[in-house]
mmCIF file of all heavy atoms, coordinates in Angstrom:
data_MODEL
# 
_entry.id   MODEL 
# 
loop_
_atom_site.group_PDB 
_atom_site.id 
_atom_site.type_symbol 
_atom_site.label_atom_id 
_atom_site.label_alt_id 
_atom_site.label_comp_id 
_atom_site.label_asym_id 
_atom_site.label_entity_id 
_atom_site.label_seq_id 
_atom_site.pdbx_PDB_ins_code 
_atom_site.Cartn_x 
_atom_site.Cartn_y 
_atom_site.Cartn_z 
_atom_site.occupancy 
_atom_site.B_iso_or_equiv 
_atom_site.pdbx_formal_charge 
_atom_site.auth_seq_id 
_atom_site.auth_comp_id 
_atom_site.auth_asym_id 
_atom_site.auth_atom_id 
_atom_site.pdbx_PDB_model_num 
ATOM 1   N N   . PHE A 1 1  ? 62.098 53.883 -24.315 1.00 0.00 ? 1  PHE A N   1 
ATOM 2   C CA  . PHE A 1 1  ? 62.312 54.939 -25.306 1.00 0.00 ? 1  PHE A CA  1 
ATOM 3   C C   . PHE A 1 1  ? 61.027 55.415 -25.992 1.00 0.00 ? 1  PHE A C   1 
ATOM 4   O O   . PHE A 1 1  ? 60.968 56.550 -26.488 1.00 0.00 ? 1  PHE A O   1 
ATOM 5   C CB  . PHE A 1 1  ? 63.292 54.467 -26.391 1.00 0.00 ? 1  PHE A CB  1 
ATOM 6   C CG  . PHE A 1 1  ? 64.702 54.302 -25.890 1.00 0.00 ? 1  PHE A CG  1 
ATOM 7   C CD1 . PHE A 1 1  ? 65.224 53.041 -25.622 1.00 0.00 ? 1  PHE A CD1 1 
ATOM 8   C CD2 . PHE A 1 1  ? 65.505 55.411 -25.663 1.00 0.00 ? 1  PHE A CD2 1 
ATOM 9   C CE1 . PHE A 1 1  ? 66.520 52.892 -25.165 1.00 0.00 ? 1  PHE A CE1 1 
ATOM 10  C CE2 . PHE A 1 1  ? 66.816 55.266 -25.213 1.00 0.00 ? 1  PHE A CE2 1 
ATOM 11  C CZ  . PHE A 1 1  ? 67.325 54.000 -24.955 1.00 0.00 ? 1  PHE A CZ  1 
ATOM 12  N N   . PHE A 1 2  ? 59.979 54.573 -26.011 1.00 0.00 ? 2  PHE A N   1 
ATOM 13  C CA  . PHE A 1 2  ? 58.843 54.938 -26.859 1.00 0.00 ? 2  PHE A CA  1 
ATOM 14  C C   . PHE A 1 2  ? 57.488 54.931 -26.144 1.00 0.00 ? 2  PHE A C   1 
ATOM 15  O O   . PHE A 1 2  ? 56.572 55.644 -26.568 1.00 0.00 ? 2  PHE A O   1 
ATOM 16  C CB  . PHE A 1 2  ? 58.775 53.988 -28.073 1.00 0.00 ? 2  PHE A CB  1 
ATOM 17  C CG  . PHE A 1 2  ? 60.010 54.052 -28.935 1.00 0.00 ? 2  PHE A CG  1 
ATOM 18  C CD1 . PHE A 1 2  ? 60.988 53.062 -28.840 1.00 0.00 ? 2  PHE A CD1 1 
ATOM 19  C CD2 . PHE A 1 2  ? 60.215 55.111 -29.800 1.00 0.00 ? 2  PHE A CD2 1 
ATOM 20  C CE1 . PHE A 1 2  ? 62.130 53.123 -29.617 1.00 0.00 ? 2  PHE A CE1 1 
ATOM 21  C CE2 . PHE A 1 2  ? 61.362 55.182 -30.574 1.00 0.00 ? 2  PHE A CE2 1 
ATOM 22  C CZ  . PHE A 1 2  ? 62.321 54.186 -30.485 1.00 0.00 ? 2  PHE A CZ  1 
ATOM 23  N N   . VAL A 1 3  ? 57.302 54.159 -25.092 1.00 0.00 ? 3  VAL A N   1 
ATOM 24  C CA  . VAL A 1 3  ? 55.996 54.093 -24.424 1.00 0.00 ? 3  VAL A CA  1 
ATOM 25  C C   . VAL A 1 3  ? 55.885 55.260 -23.434 1.00 0.00 ? 3  VAL A C   1 
ATOM 26  O O   . VAL A 1 3  ? 56.784 55.424 -22.591 1.00 0.00 ? 3  VAL A O   1 
ATOM 27  C CB  . VAL A 1 3  ? 55.824 52.742 -23.693 1.00 0.00 ? 3  VAL A CB  1 
ATOM 28  C CG1 . VAL A 1 3  ? 54.518 52.728 -22.908 1.00 0.00 ? 3  VAL A CG1 1 
ATOM 29  C CG2 . VAL A 1 3  ? 55.859 51.589 -24.700 1.00 0.00 ? 3  VAL A CG2 1 
ATOM 30  N N   . PRO A 1 4  ? 54.842 56.064 -23.557 1.00 0.00 ? 4  PRO A N   1 
ATOM 31  C CA  . PRO A 1 4  ? 54.662 57.182 -22.608 1.00 0.00 ? 4  PRO A CA  1 
ATOM 32  C C   . PRO A 1 4  ? 54.448 56.646 -21.196 1.00 0.00 ? 4  PRO A C   1 
ATOM 33  O O   . PRO A 1 4  ? 53.779 55.609 -21.025 1.00 0.00 ? 4  PRO A O   1 
ATOM 34  C CB  . PRO A 1 4  ? 53.431 57.899 -23.135 1.00 0.00 ? 4  PRO A CB  1 
ATOM 35  C CG  . PRO A 1 4  ? 53.304 57.464 -24.569 1.00 0.00 ? 4  PRO A CG  1 
ATOM 36  C CD  . PRO A 1 4  ? 53.832 56.065 -24.619 1.00 0.00 ? 4  PRO A CD  1 
ATOM 37  N N   . PRO A 1 5  ? 54.982 57.323 -20.173 1.00 0.00 ? 5  PRO A N   1 
ATOM 38  C CA  . PRO A 1 5  ? 55.917 58.455 -20.286 1.00 0.00 ? 5  PRO A CA  1 
ATOM 39  C C   . PRO A 1 5  ? 57.292 57.968 -20.731 1.00 0.00 ? 5  PRO A C   1 
ATOM 40  O O   . PRO A 1 5  ? 57.804 56.981 -20.212 1.00 0.00 ? 5  PRO A O   1 
ATOM 41  C CB  . PRO A 1 5  ? 55.955 59.024 -18.878 1.00 0.00 ? 5  PRO A CB  1 
ATOM 42  C CG  . PRO A 1 5  ? 55.655 57.842 -17.994 1.00 0.00 ? 5  PRO A CG  1 
ATOM 43  C CD  . PRO A 1 5  ? 54.697 56.984 -18.767 1.00 0.00 ? 5  PRO A CD  1 
ATOM 44  N N   . ARG A 1 6  ? 57.874 58.610 -21.759 1.00 0.00 ? 6  ARG A N   1 
ATOM 45  C CA  . ARG A 1 6  ? 59.141 58.205 -22.342 1.00 0.00 ? 6  ARG A CA  1 
ATOM 46  C C   . ARG A 1 6  ? 60.293 58.475 -21.386 1.00 0.00 ? 6  ARG A C   1 
ATOM 47  O O   . ARG A 1 6  ? 60.214 59.314 -20.504 1.00 0.00 ? 6  ARG A O   1 
ATOM 48  C CB  . ARG A 1 6  ? 59.347 58.928 -23.669 1.00 0.00 ? 6  ARG A CB  1 
ATOM 49  C CG  . ARG A 1 6  ? 58.164 58.679 -24.649 1.00 0.00 ? 6  ARG A CG  1 
ATOM 50  C CD  . ARG A 1 6  ? 58.309 59.458 -25.934 1.00 0.00 ? 6  ARG A CD  1 
ATOM 51  N NE  . ARG A 1 6  ? 59.302 58.819 -26.820 1.00 0.00 ? 6  ARG A NE  1 
ATOM 52  C CZ  . ARG A 1 6  ? 59.466 59.198 -28.075 1.00 0.00 ? 6  ARG A CZ  1 
ATOM 53  N NH1 . ARG A 1 6  ? 58.754 60.229 -28.569 1.00 0.00 ? 6  ARG A NH1 1 
ATOM 54  N NH2 . ARG A 1 6  ? 60.366 58.601 -28.833 1.00 0.00 ? 6  ARG A NH2 1 
ATOM 55  N N   . TRP A 1 7  ? 61.383 57.732 -21.613 1.00 0.00 ? 7  TRP A N   1 
ATOM 56  C CA  . TRP A 1 7  ? 62.618 57.812 -20.841 1.00 0.00 ? 7  TRP A CA  1 
ATOM 57  C C   . TRP A 1 7  ? 62.457 57.317 -19.399 1.00 0.00 ? 7  TRP A C   1 
ATOM 58  O O   . TRP A 1 7  ? 63.235 57.632 -18.518 1.00 0.00 ? 7  TRP A O   1 
ATOM 59  C CB  . TRP A 1 7  ? 63.191 59.234 -20.846 1.00 0.00 ? 7  TRP A CB  1 
ATOM 60  C CG  . TRP A 1 7  ? 63.165 59.855 -22.211 1.00 0.00 ? 7  TRP A CG  1 
ATOM 61  C CD1 . TRP A 1 7  ? 62.349 60.859 -22.644 1.00 0.00 ? 7  TRP A CD1 1 
ATOM 62  C CD2 . TRP A 1 7  ? 63.971 59.479 -23.323 1.00 0.00 ? 7  TRP A CD2 1 
ATOM 63  N NE1 . TRP A 1 7  ? 62.579 61.166 -23.955 1.00 0.00 ? 7  TRP A NE1 1 
ATOM 64  C CE2 . TRP A 1 7  ? 63.602 60.317 -24.413 1.00 0.00 ? 7  TRP A CE2 1 
ATOM 65  C CE3 . TRP A 1 7  ? 64.991 58.532 -23.536 1.00 0.00 ? 7  TRP A CE3 1 
ATOM 66  C CZ2 . TRP A 1 7  ? 64.190 60.240 -25.662 1.00 0.00 ? 7  TRP A CZ2 1 
ATOM 67  C CZ3 . TRP A 1 7  ? 65.569 58.474 -24.775 1.00 0.00 ? 7  TRP A CZ3 1 
ATOM 68  C CH2 . TRP A 1 7  ? 65.176 59.303 -25.830 1.00 0.00 ? 7  TRP A CH2 1 
ATOM 69  N N   . THR A 1 8  ? 61.393 56.551 -19.198 1.00 0.00 ? 8  THR A N   1 
ATOM 70  C CA  . THR A 1 8  ? 61.187 55.880 -17.907 1.00 0.00 ? 8  THR A CA  1 
ATOM 71  C C   . THR A 1 8  ? 60.622 54.492 -18.185 1.00 0.00 ? 8  THR A C   1 
ATOM 72  O O   . THR A 1 8  ? 60.200 54.189 -19.300 1.00 0.00 ? 8  THR A O   1 
ATOM 73  C CB  . THR A 1 8  ? 60.190 56.641 -17.011 1.00 0.00 ? 8  THR A CB  1 
ATOM 74  O OG1 . THR A 1 8  ? 58.880 56.577 -17.597 1.00 0.00 ? 8  THR A OG1 1 
ATOM 75  C CG2 . THR A 1 8  ? 60.596 58.088 -16.835 1.00 0.00 ? 8  THR A CG2 1 
ATOM 76  N N   . PHE A 1 9  ? 60.612 53.686 -17.159 1.00 0.00 ? 9  PHE A N   1 
ATOM 77  C CA  . PHE A 1 9  ? 60.027 52.355 -17.293 1.00 0.00 ? 9  PHE A CA  1 
ATOM 78  C C   . PHE A 1 9  ? 58.583 52.317 -16.807 1.00 0.00 ? 9  PHE A C   1 
ATOM 79  O O   . PHE A 1 9  ? 57.994 51.247 -16.683 1.00 0.00 ? 9  PHE A O   1 
ATOM 80  C CB  . PHE A 1 9  ? 60.866 51.327 -16.511 1.00 0.00 ? 9  PHE A CB  1 
ATOM 81  C CG  . PHE A 1 9  ? 62.201 51.064 -17.140 1.00 0.00 ? 9  PHE A CG  1 
ATOM 82  C CD1 . PHE A 1 9  ? 63.353 51.605 -16.596 1.00 0.00 ? 9  PHE A CD1 1 
ATOM 83  C CD2 . PHE A 1 9  ? 62.297 50.293 -18.291 1.00 0.00 ? 9  PHE A CD2 1 
ATOM 84  C CE1 . PHE A 1 9  ? 64.585 51.368 -17.183 1.00 0.00 ? 9  PHE A CE1 1 
ATOM 85  C CE2 . PHE A 1 9  ? 63.541 50.052 -18.869 1.00 0.00 ? 9  PHE A CE2 1 
ATOM 86  C CZ  . PHE A 1 9  ? 64.690 50.596 -18.330 1.00 0.00 ? 9  PHE A CZ  1 
ATOM 87  N N   . GLN A 1 10 ? 57.986 53.498 -16.544 1.00 0.00 ? 10 GLN A N   1 
ATOM 88  C CA  . GLN A 1 10 ? 56.600 53.559 -16.110 1.00 0.00 ? 10 GLN A CA  1 
ATOM 89  C C   . GLN A 1 10 ? 55.672 53.494 -17.329 1.00 0.00 ? 10 GLN A C   1 
ATOM 90  O O   . GLN A 1 10 ? 56.048 53.878 -18.442 1.00 0.00 ? 10 GLN A O   1 
ATOM 91  C CB  . GLN A 1 10 ? 56.335 54.843 -15.339 1.00 0.00 ? 10 GLN A CB  1 
ATOM 92  C CG  . GLN A 1 10 ? 57.146 54.948 -14.040 1.00 0.00 ? 10 GLN A CG  1 
ATOM 93  C CD  . GLN A 1 10 ? 56.868 56.247 -13.304 1.00 0.00 ? 10 GLN A CD  1 
ATOM 94  O OE1 . GLN A 1 10 ? 56.059 57.061 -13.747 1.00 0.00 ? 10 GLN A OE1 1 
ATOM 95  N NE2 . GLN A 1 10 ? 57.551 56.438 -12.171 1.00 0.00 ? 10 GLN A NE2 1 
ATOM 96  N N   . VAL A 1 11 ? 54.442 53.022 -17.100 1.00 0.00 ? 11 VAL A N   1 
ATOM 97  C CA  . VAL A 1 11 ? 53.411 52.945 -18.149 1.00 0.00 ? 11 VAL A CA  1 
ATOM 98  C C   . VAL A 1 11 ? 52.199 53.687 -17.651 1.00 0.00 ? 11 VAL A C   1 
ATOM 99  O O   . VAL A 1 11 ? 51.652 53.376 -16.590 1.00 0.00 ? 11 VAL A O   1 
ATOM 100 C CB  . VAL A 1 11 ? 53.053 51.486 -18.464 1.00 0.00 ? 11 VAL A CB  1 
ATOM 101 C CG1 . VAL A 1 11 ? 52.020 51.426 -19.574 1.00 0.00 ? 11 VAL A CG1 1 
ATOM 102 C CG2 . VAL A 1 11 ? 54.305 50.695 -18.846 1.00 0.00 ? 11 VAL A CG2 1 
ATOM 103 N N   . GLU A 1 12 ? 51.768 54.698 -18.464 1.00 0.00 ? 12 GLU A N   1 
ATOM 104 C CA  . GLU A 1 12 ? 50.720 55.578 -17.966 1.00 0.00 ? 12 GLU A CA  1 
ATOM 105 C C   . GLU A 1 12 ? 49.310 55.092 -18.268 1.00 0.00 ? 12 GLU A C   1 
ATOM 106 O O   . GLU A 1 12 ? 48.356 55.536 -17.645 1.00 0.00 ? 12 GLU A O   1 
ATOM 107 C CB  . GLU A 1 12 ? 50.906 56.981 -18.555 1.00 0.00 ? 12 GLU A CB  1 
ATOM 108 C CG  . GLU A 1 12 ? 50.691 57.049 -20.059 1.00 0.00 ? 12 GLU A CG  1 
ATOM 109 C CD  . GLU A 1 12 ? 50.878 58.437 -20.614 1.00 0.00 ? 12 GLU A CD  1 
ATOM 110 O OE1 . GLU A 1 12 ? 51.338 59.332 -19.877 1.00 0.00 ? 12 GLU A OE1 1 
ATOM 111 O OE2 . GLU A 1 12 ? 50.559 58.637 -21.790 1.00 0.00 ? 12 GLU A OE2 1 
ATOM 112 N N   . SER A 1 13 ? 49.136 54.195 -19.216 1.00 0.00 ? 13 SER A N   1 
ATOM 113 C CA  . SER A 1 13 ? 47.775 53.756 -19.537 1.00 0.00 ? 13 SER A CA  1 
ATOM 114 C C   . SER A 1 13 ? 47.722 52.236 -19.597 1.00 0.00 ? 13 SER A C   1 
ATOM 115 O O   . SER A 1 13 ? 48.720 51.572 -19.894 1.00 0.00 ? 13 SER A O   1 
ATOM 116 C CB  . SER A 1 13 ? 47.316 54.335 -20.881 1.00 0.00 ? 13 SER A CB  1 
ATOM 117 O OG  . SER A 1 13 ? 48.089 53.799 -21.940 1.00 0.00 ? 13 SER A OG  1 
ATOM 118 N N   . SER A 1 14 ? 46.534 51.735 -19.309 1.00 0.00 ? 14 SER A N   1 
ATOM 119 C CA  . SER A 1 14 ? 46.340 50.278 -19.357 1.00 0.00 ? 14 SER A CA  1 
ATOM 120 C C   . SER A 1 14 ? 46.488 49.746 -20.774 1.00 0.00 ? 14 SER A C   1 
ATOM 121 O O   . SER A 1 14 ? 46.905 48.604 -20.994 1.00 0.00 ? 14 SER A O   1 
ATOM 122 C CB  . SER A 1 14 ? 44.950 49.916 -18.813 1.00 0.00 ? 14 SER A CB  1 
ATOM 123 O OG  . SER A 1 14 ? 43.936 50.575 -19.575 1.00 0.00 ? 14 SER A OG  1 
ATOM 124 N N   . GLU A 1 15 ? 46.202 50.578 -21.761 1.00 0.00 ? 15 GLU A N   1 
ATOM 125 C CA  . GLU A 1 15 ? 46.340 50.153 -23.154 1.00 0.00 ? 15 GLU A CA  1 
ATOM 126 C C   . GLU A 1 15 ? 47.793 49.848 -23.483 1.00 0.00 ? 15 GLU A C   1 
ATOM 127 O O   . GLU A 1 15 ? 48.122 48.867 -24.147 1.00 0.00 ? 15 GLU A O   1 
ATOM 128 C CB  . GLU A 1 15 ? 45.815 51.240 -24.085 1.00 0.00 ? 15 GLU A CB  1 
ATOM 129 C CG  . GLU A 1 15 ? 45.928 50.875 -25.570 1.00 0.00 ? 15 GLU A CG  1 
ATOM 130 C CD  . GLU A 1 15 ? 45.395 51.966 -26.455 1.00 0.00 ? 15 GLU A CD  1 
ATOM 131 O OE1 . GLU A 1 15 ? 44.821 52.947 -25.930 1.00 0.00 ? 15 GLU A OE1 1 
ATOM 132 O OE2 . GLU A 1 15 ? 45.553 51.835 -27.687 1.00 0.00 ? 15 GLU A OE2 1 
ATOM 133 N N   . ASN A 1 16 ? 48.678 50.708 -22.969 1.00 0.00 ? 16 ASN A N   1 
ATOM 134 C CA  . ASN A 1 16 ? 50.089 50.483 -23.214 1.00 0.00 ? 16 ASN A CA  1 
ATOM 135 C C   . ASN A 1 16 ? 50.610 49.265 -22.455 1.00 0.00 ? 16 ASN A C   1 
ATOM 136 O O   . ASN A 1 16 ? 51.525 48.566 -22.913 1.00 0.00 ? 16 ASN A O   1 
ATOM 137 C CB  . ASN A 1 16 ? 50.899 51.716 -22.825 1.00 0.00 ? 16 ASN A CB  1 
ATOM 138 C CG  . ASN A 1 16 ? 50.639 52.880 -23.765 1.00 0.00 ? 16 ASN A CG  1 
ATOM 139 O OD1 . ASN A 1 16 ? 50.275 52.667 -24.920 1.00 0.00 ? 16 ASN A OD1 1 
ATOM 140 N ND2 . ASN A 1 16 ? 50.806 54.107 -23.279 1.00 0.00 ? 16 ASN A ND2 1 
ATOM 141 N N   . ILE A 1 17 ? 49.992 49.012 -21.273 1.00 0.00 ? 17 ILE A N   1 
ATOM 142 C CA  . ILE A 1 17 ? 50.383 47.806 -20.519 1.00 0.00 ? 17 ILE A CA  1 
ATOM 143 C C   . ILE A 1 17 ? 50.035 46.554 -21.322 1.00 0.00 ? 17 ILE A C   1 
ATOM 144 O O   . ILE A 1 17 ? 50.834 45.614 -21.430 1.00 0.00 ? 17 ILE A O   1 
ATOM 145 C CB  . ILE A 1 17 ? 49.695 47.802 -19.138 1.00 0.00 ? 17 ILE A CB  1 
ATOM 146 C CG1 . ILE A 1 17 ? 50.227 48.946 -18.280 1.00 0.00 ? 17 ILE A CG1 1 
ATOM 147 C CG2 . ILE A 1 17 ? 49.926 46.458 -18.449 1.00 0.00 ? 17 ILE A CG2 1 
ATOM 148 C CD1 . ILE A 1 17 ? 49.556 49.050 -16.923 1.00 0.00 ? 17 ILE A CD1 1 
ATOM 149 N N   . VAL A 1 18 ? 48.832 46.558 -21.888 1.00 0.00 ? 18 VAL A N   1 
ATOM 150 C CA  . VAL A 1 18 ? 48.412 45.405 -22.704 1.00 0.00 ? 18 VAL A CA  1 
ATOM 151 C C   . VAL A 1 18 ? 49.339 45.252 -23.916 1.00 0.00 ? 18 VAL A C   1 
ATOM 152 O O   . VAL A 1 18 ? 49.743 44.155 -24.296 1.00 0.00 ? 18 VAL A O   1 
ATOM 153 C CB  . VAL A 1 18 ? 46.945 45.570 -23.146 1.00 0.00 ? 18 VAL A CB  1 
ATOM 154 C CG1 . VAL A 1 18 ? 46.572 44.473 -24.143 1.00 0.00 ? 18 VAL A CG1 1 
ATOM 155 C CG2 . VAL A 1 18 ? 46.027 45.532 -21.950 1.00 0.00 ? 18 VAL A CG2 1 
ATOM 156 N N   . ALA A 1 19 ? 49.709 46.388 -24.521 1.00 0.00 ? 19 ALA A N   1 
ATOM 157 C CA  . ALA A 1 19 ? 50.585 46.341 -25.695 1.00 0.00 ? 19 ALA A CA  1 
ATOM 158 C C   . ALA A 1 19 ? 51.958 45.765 -25.332 1.00 0.00 ? 19 ALA A C   1 
ATOM 159 O O   . ALA A 1 19 ? 52.525 44.944 -26.065 1.00 0.00 ? 19 ALA A O   1 
ATOM 160 C CB  . ALA A 1 19 ? 50.732 47.742 -26.294 1.00 0.00 ? 19 ALA A CB  1 
ATOM 161 N N   . LEU A 1 20 ? 52.503 46.215 -24.195 1.00 0.00 ? 20 LEU A N   1 
ATOM 162 C CA  . LEU A 1 20 ? 53.792 45.700 -23.764 1.00 0.00 ? 20 LEU A CA  1 
ATOM 163 C C   . LEU A 1 20 ? 53.723 44.207 -23.439 1.00 0.00 ? 20 LEU A C   1 
ATOM 164 O O   . LEU A 1 20 ? 54.635 43.431 -23.779 1.00 0.00 ? 20 LEU A O   1 
ATOM 165 C CB  . LEU A 1 20 ? 54.296 46.477 -22.558 1.00 0.00 ? 20 LEU A CB  1 
ATOM 166 C CG  . LEU A 1 20 ? 54.875 47.874 -22.838 1.00 0.00 ? 20 LEU A CG  1 
ATOM 167 C CD1 . LEU A 1 20 ? 55.186 48.578 -21.531 1.00 0.00 ? 20 LEU A CD1 1 
ATOM 168 C CD2 . LEU A 1 20 ? 56.134 47.757 -23.690 1.00 0.00 ? 20 LEU A CD2 1 
ATOM 169 N N   . ALA A 1 21 ? 52.632 43.805 -22.752 1.00 0.00 ? 21 ALA A N   1 
ATOM 170 C CA  . ALA A 1 21 ? 52.475 42.390 -22.420 1.00 0.00 ? 21 ALA A CA  1 
ATOM 171 C C   . ALA A 1 21 ? 52.354 41.539 -23.682 1.00 0.00 ? 21 ALA A C   1 
ATOM 172 O O   . ALA A 1 21 ? 52.956 40.461 -23.805 1.00 0.00 ? 21 ALA A O   1 
ATOM 173 C CB  . ALA A 1 21 ? 51.258 42.199 -21.520 1.00 0.00 ? 21 ALA A CB  1 
ATOM 174 N N   . THR A 1 22 ? 51.551 42.061 -24.633 1.00 0.00 ? 22 THR A N   1 
ATOM 175 C CA  . THR A 1 22 ? 51.392 41.329 -25.902 1.00 0.00 ? 22 THR A CA  1 
ATOM 176 C C   . THR A 1 22 ? 52.717 41.226 -26.656 1.00 0.00 ? 22 THR A C   1 
ATOM 177 O O   . THR A 1 22 ? 53.085 40.182 -27.196 1.00 0.00 ? 22 THR A O   1 
ATOM 178 C CB  . THR A 1 22 ? 50.344 42.023 -26.780 1.00 0.00 ? 22 THR A CB  1 
ATOM 179 O OG1 . THR A 1 22 ? 49.104 42.108 -26.058 1.00 0.00 ? 22 THR A OG1 1 
ATOM 180 C CG2 . THR A 1 22 ? 50.141 41.251 -28.076 1.00 0.00 ? 22 THR A CG2 1 
ATOM 181 N N   . MET A 1 23 ? 53.458 42.362 -26.665 1.00 0.00 ? 23 MET A N   1 
ATOM 182 C CA  . MET A 1 23 ? 54.747 42.354 -27.344 1.00 0.00 ? 23 MET A CA  1 
ATOM 183 C C   . MET A 1 23 ? 55.706 41.367 -26.669 1.00 0.00 ? 23 MET A C   1 
ATOM 184 O O   . MET A 1 23 ? 56.475 40.672 -27.353 1.00 0.00 ? 23 MET A O   1 
ATOM 185 C CB  . MET A 1 23 ? 55.345 43.751 -27.345 1.00 0.00 ? 23 MET A CB  1 
ATOM 186 C CG  . MET A 1 23 ? 56.702 43.837 -28.034 1.00 0.00 ? 23 MET A CG  1 
ATOM 187 S SD  . MET A 1 23 ? 57.393 45.492 -27.979 1.00 0.00 ? 23 MET A SD  1 
ATOM 188 C CE  . MET A 1 23 ? 59.009 45.182 -28.691 1.00 0.00 ? 23 MET A CE  1 
ATOM 189 N N   . SER A 1 24 ? 55.656 41.305 -25.337 1.00 0.00 ? 24 SER A N   1 
ATOM 190 C CA  . SER A 1 24 ? 56.532 40.365 -24.631 1.00 0.00 ? 24 SER A CA  1 
ATOM 191 C C   . SER A 1 24 ? 56.211 38.929 -25.020 1.00 0.00 ? 24 SER A C   1 
ATOM 192 O O   . SER A 1 24 ? 57.115 38.118 -25.308 1.00 0.00 ? 24 SER A O   1 
ATOM 193 C CB  . SER A 1 24 ? 56.372 40.535 -23.117 1.00 0.00 ? 24 SER A CB  1 
ATOM 194 O OG  . SER A 1 24 ? 56.701 41.847 -22.726 1.00 0.00 ? 24 SER A OG  1 
# 
């Protein structure tokens, strides 16, 4: 719902990947 690109499970930037991994 919130990580670009929204409404998909894709992650467009490595920064967001790190954020998701950290959040996990």
